[in-house]
C-alpha atoms as a PDB file:
ATOM      1  CA  MET A   1     -19.442  -6.194  12.423  1.00  0.00           C
ATOM      2  CA  ASP A   2     -18.845  -2.680  11.765  1.00  0.00           C
ATOM      3  CA  LEU A   3     -18.341  -0.255  14.709  1.00  0.00           C
ATOM      4  CA  SER A   4     -20.843   2.220  13.313  1.00  0.00           C
ATOM      5  CA  LEU A   5     -23.506  -0.520  13.161  1.00  0.00           C
ATOM      6  CA  VAL A   6     -22.903  -1.404  16.816  1.00  0.00           C
ATOM      7  CA  LEU A   7     -23.131   2.260  17.789  1.00  0.00           C
ATOM      8  CA  ASP A   8     -26.346   2.658  15.751  1.00  0.00           C
ATOM      9  CA  ILE A   9     -27.893  -0.395  17.471  1.00  0.00           C
ATOM     10  CA  ALA A  10     -26.857   0.947  20.885  1.00  0.00           C
ATOM     11  CA  LEU A  11     -28.263   4.346  19.984  1.00  0.00           C
ATOM     12  CA  VAL A  12     -31.566   2.805  18.816  1.00  0.00           C
ATOM     13  CA  ALA A  13     -31.787   0.811  22.066  1.00  0.00           C
ATOM     14  CA  LEU A  14     -31.161   3.928  24.141  1.00  0.00           C
ATOM     15  CA  LEU A  15     -33.715   5.895  22.120  1.00  0.00           C
ATOM     16  CA  MET A  16     -36.322   3.138  22.635  1.00  0.00           C
ATOM     17  CA  ALA A  17     -35.599   3.193  26.389  1.00  0.00           C
ATOM     18  CA  LEU A  18     -35.949   6.974  26.327  1.00  0.00           C
ATOM     19  CA  ILE A  19     -39.284   6.739  24.463  1.00  0.00           C
ATOM     20  CA  ALA A  20     -40.583   4.171  26.992  1.00  0.00           C
ATOM     21  CA  TYR A  21     -39.464   6.387  29.891  1.00  0.00           C
ATOM     22  CA  CYS A  22     -41.154   9.419  28.278  1.00  0.00           C
ATOM     23  CA  ALA A  23     -44.394   7.425  27.897  1.00  0.00           C
ATOM     24  CA  ILE A  24     -44.290   6.444  31.579  1.00  0.00           C
ATOM     25  CA  LEU A  25     -43.515  10.022  32.543  1.00  0.00           C
ATOM     26  CA  ASP A  26     -46.407  11.268  30.370  1.00  0.00           C
ATOM     27  CA  ARG A  27     -48.871   8.939  32.174  1.00  0.00           C
ATOM     28  CA  ARG A  28     -47.623  10.114  35.562  1.00  0.00           C
ATOM     29  CA  LEU A  29     -47.937  13.773  34.584  1.00  0.00           C
ATOM     30  CA  ARG A  30     -51.494  13.193  33.367  1.00  0.00           C
ATOM     31  CA  ALA A  31     -52.318  11.549  36.717  1.00  0.00           C
ATOM     32  CA  VAL A  32     -50.810  14.521  38.569  1.00  0.00           C
ATOM     33  CA  ARG A  33     -52.840  16.966  36.468  1.00  0.00           C
ATOM     34  CA  ALA A  34     -56.020  14.993  37.114  1.00  0.00           C
ATOM     35  CA  GLY A  35     -55.225  14.955  40.835  1.00  0.00           C
ATOM     36  CA  GLN A  36     -54.561  18.677  40.739  1.00  0.00           C
ATOM     37  CA  GLY A  37     -58.236  19.355  39.971  1.00  0.00           C
ATOM     38  CA  GLU A  38     -59.267  17.184  42.927  1.00  0.00           C
ATOM     39  CA  LEU A  39     -56.697  18.943  45.110  1.00  0.00           C
ATOM     40  CA  GLU A  40     -58.124  22.343  44.160  1.00  0.00           C
ATOM     41  CA  GLY A  41     -61.606  21.137  45.140  1.00  0.00           C
ATOM     42  CA  PHE A  42     -60.231  19.803  48.420  1.00  0.00           C
ATOM     43  CA  LEU A  43     -58.473  23.092  49.163  1.00  0.00           C
ATOM     44  CA  ALA A  44     -61.656  25.047  48.429  1.00  0.00           C
ATOM     45  CA  ASP A  45     -63.597  22.812  50.833  1.00  0.00           C
ATOM     46  CA  LEU A  46     -60.856  23.176  53.436  1.00  0.00           C
ATOM     47  CA  THR A  47     -60.903  26.957  53.100  1.00  0.00           C
ATOM     48  CA  GLU A  48     -64.679  27.012  53.530  1.00  0.00           C
ATOM     49  CA  ALA A  49     -64.503  24.738  56.579  1.00  0.00           C
ATOM     50  CA  THR A  50     -61.794  26.928  58.100  1.00  0.00           C
ATOM     51  CA  ALA A  51     -63.925  30.044  57.604  1.00  0.00           C
ATOM     52  CA  ARG A  52     -66.921  28.337  59.262  1.00  0.00           C
ATOM     53  CA  ALA A  53     -64.707  27.214  62.162  1.00  0.00           C
ATOM     54  CA  GLU A  54     -63.410  30.754  62.662  1.00  0.00           C
ATOM     55  CA  GLN A  55     -66.967  32.117  62.676  1.00  0.00           C
ATOM     56  CA  SER A  56     -68.003  29.437  65.171  1.00  0.00           C
ATOM     57  CA  ILE A  57     -65.102  30.376  67.442  1.00  0.00           C
ATOM     58  CA  ILE A  58     -66.121  34.036  67.316  1.00  0.00           C
ATOM     59  CA  THR A  59     -69.724  33.110  68.160  1.00  0.00           C
ATOM     60  CA  LEU A  60     -68.576  30.789  70.955  1.00  0.00           C
ATOM     61  CA  ARG A  61     -66.391  33.488  72.472  1.00  0.00           C
ATOM     62  CA  ALA A  62     -69.265  35.982  72.395  1.00  0.00           C
ATOM     63  CA  LYS A  63     -71.647  33.536  74.053  1.00  0.00           C
ATOM     64  CA  SER A  64     -69.096  32.450  76.623  1.00  0.00           C
ATOM     65  CA  GLY A  65     -68.483  36.106  77.508  1.00  0.00           C
ATOM     66  CA  ASP A  66     -72.187  36.512  78.214  1.00  0.00           C
ATOM     67  CA  LYS A  67     -72.212  33.361  80.317  1.00  0.00           C
ATOM     68  CA  VAL A  68     -69.143  34.482  82.268  1.00  0.00           C
ATOM     69  CA  SER A  69     -70.804  37.740  83.277  1.00  0.00           C
ATOM     70  CA  GLU A  70     -73.997  35.856  84.170  1.00  0.00           C
ATOM     71  CA  LEU A  71     -71.974  33.393  86.230  1.00  0.00           C
ATOM     72  CA  GLN A  72     -70.203  36.248  88.033  1.00  0.00           C
ATOM     73  CA  GLU A  73     -73.564  37.744  88.936  1.00  0.00           C
ATOM     74  CA  ASN A  74     -74.762  34.360  90.224  1.00  0.00           C
ATOM     75  CA  VAL A  75     -71.606  33.972  92.322  1.00  0.00           C
ATOM     76  CA  LYS A  76     -72.069  37.459  93.768  1.00  0.00           C
ATOM     77  CA  SER A  77     -75.694  36.643  94.633  1.00  0.00           C
ATOM     78  CA  ALA A  78     -74.681  33.290  96.131  1.00  0.00           C
ATOM     79  CA  ARG A  79     -72.047  34.980  98.310  1.00  0.00           C
ATOM     80  CA  ALA A  80     -74.623  37.462  99.586  1.00  0.00           C
ATOM     81  CA  LEU A  81     -77.033  34.627 100.397  1.00  0.00           C
ATOM     82  CA  SER A  82     -74.207  32.698 102.050  1.00  0.00           C
ATOM     83  CA  ASP A  83     -73.363  35.695 104.244  1.00  0.00           C
ATOM     84  CA  GLU A  84     -77.017  36.095 105.175  1.00  0.00           C
ATOM     85  CA  LEU A  85     -77.324  32.384 105.958  1.00  0.00           C
ATOM     86  CA  SER A  86     -74.167  32.522 108.093  1.00  0.00           C
ATOM     87  CA  LEU A  87     -75.656  35.433 110.015  1.00  0.00           C
ATOM     88  CA  LEU A  88     -78.910  33.496 110.557  1.00  0.00           C
ATOM     89  CA  VAL A  89     -77.005  30.408 111.733  1.00  0.00           C
ATOM     90  CA  GLU A  90     -74.918  32.502 114.099  1.00  0.00           C
ATOM     91  CA  THR A  91     -78.046  34.191 115.458  1.00  0.00           C
ATOM     92  CA  GLY A  92     -79.720  30.800 115.874  1.00  0.00           C
ATOM     93  CA  SER A  93     -76.678  29.452 117.725  1.00  0.00           C
ATOM     94  CA  ARG A  94     -76.648  32.414 120.089  1.00  0.00           C
ATOM     95  CA  LEU A  95     -80.381  31.995 120.674  1.00  0.00           C
ATOM     96  CA  ALA A  96     -79.875  28.291 121.422  1.00  0.00           C
ATOM     97  CA  GLU A  97     -77.099  29.123 123.903  1.00  0.00           C
ATOM     98  CA  ARG A  98     -79.345  31.655 125.611  1.00  0.00           C
ATOM     99  CA  LEU A  99     -82.132  29.107 125.826  1.00  0.00           C
ATOM    100  CA  GLU A 100     -79.795  26.542 127.353  1.00  0.00           C
ATOM    101  CA  THR A 101     -78.496  28.981 129.953  1.00  0.00           C
ATOM    102  CA  ALA A 102     -81.934  30.435 130.724  1.00  0.00           C
ATOM    103  CA  ARG A 103     -83.385  27.126 131.951  1.00  0.00           C
ATOM    104  CA  PRO A 104     -80.685  24.901 133.400  1.00  0.00           C
ATOM    105  CA  GLY A 105     -81.699  21.408 134.410  1.00  0.00           C
ATOM    106  CA  VAL A 106     -84.758  21.125 132.178  1.00  0.00           C
ATOM    107  CA  ASP A 107     -85.371  17.507 131.122  1.00  0.00           C
ATOM    108  CA  ASP A 108     -86.946  18.372 127.778  1.00  0.00           C
ATOM    109  CA  PRO A 109     -84.432  20.401 125.670  1.00  0.00           C
ATOM    110  CA  ALA A 110     -87.196  21.492 123.303  1.00  0.00           C
ATOM    111  CA  ALA A 111     -89.305  22.917 126.142  1.00  0.00           C
ATOM    112  CA  PRO A 112     -87.704  26.401 126.062  1.00  0.00           C
ATOM    113  CA  LEU A 113     -88.242  26.580 122.330  1.00  0.00           C
ATOM    114  CA  ARG A 114     -91.878  25.636 122.729  1.00  0.00           C
ATOM    115  CA  GLN A 115     -92.205  28.295 125.435  1.00  0.00           C
ATOM    116  CA  ILE A 116     -90.758  30.953 123.117  1.00  0.00           C
ATOM    117  CA  LEU A 117     -93.070  29.898 120.304  1.00  0.00           C
ATOM    118  CA  ARG A 118     -96.059  30.194 122.615  1.00  0.00           C
ATOM    119  CA  GLU A 119     -94.944  33.668 123.676  1.00  0.00           C
ATOM    120  CA  VAL A 120     -94.524  34.768 120.054  1.00  0.00           C
ATOM    121  CA  ARG A 121     -98.048  33.657 119.109  1.00  0.00           C
END
């Protein structure tokens, strides 16, 4: 066999392998291009969802700011009521001590209270 014939056969084999590889590569590139359109749609949806999420965060922050100020007002009111209640409890305790010391030895502990209620009416 002639050397040039062997080289031609080897070259034809390599060219056939190259053509097969190019065909495979062409199919893969077509698949990538088809997927690119889907990817663009996905990115558009993602961008829209991100914009909605940002708007929701802004709205949530605005509403939470309103609720924080409302909560602060409620806490302030609760503290005032707590102070008033503490004062009433302290006054009631002092009144109970006075009642106990005013009538020592009374068998019925509620008797002084009943007496005061009668005097008030």
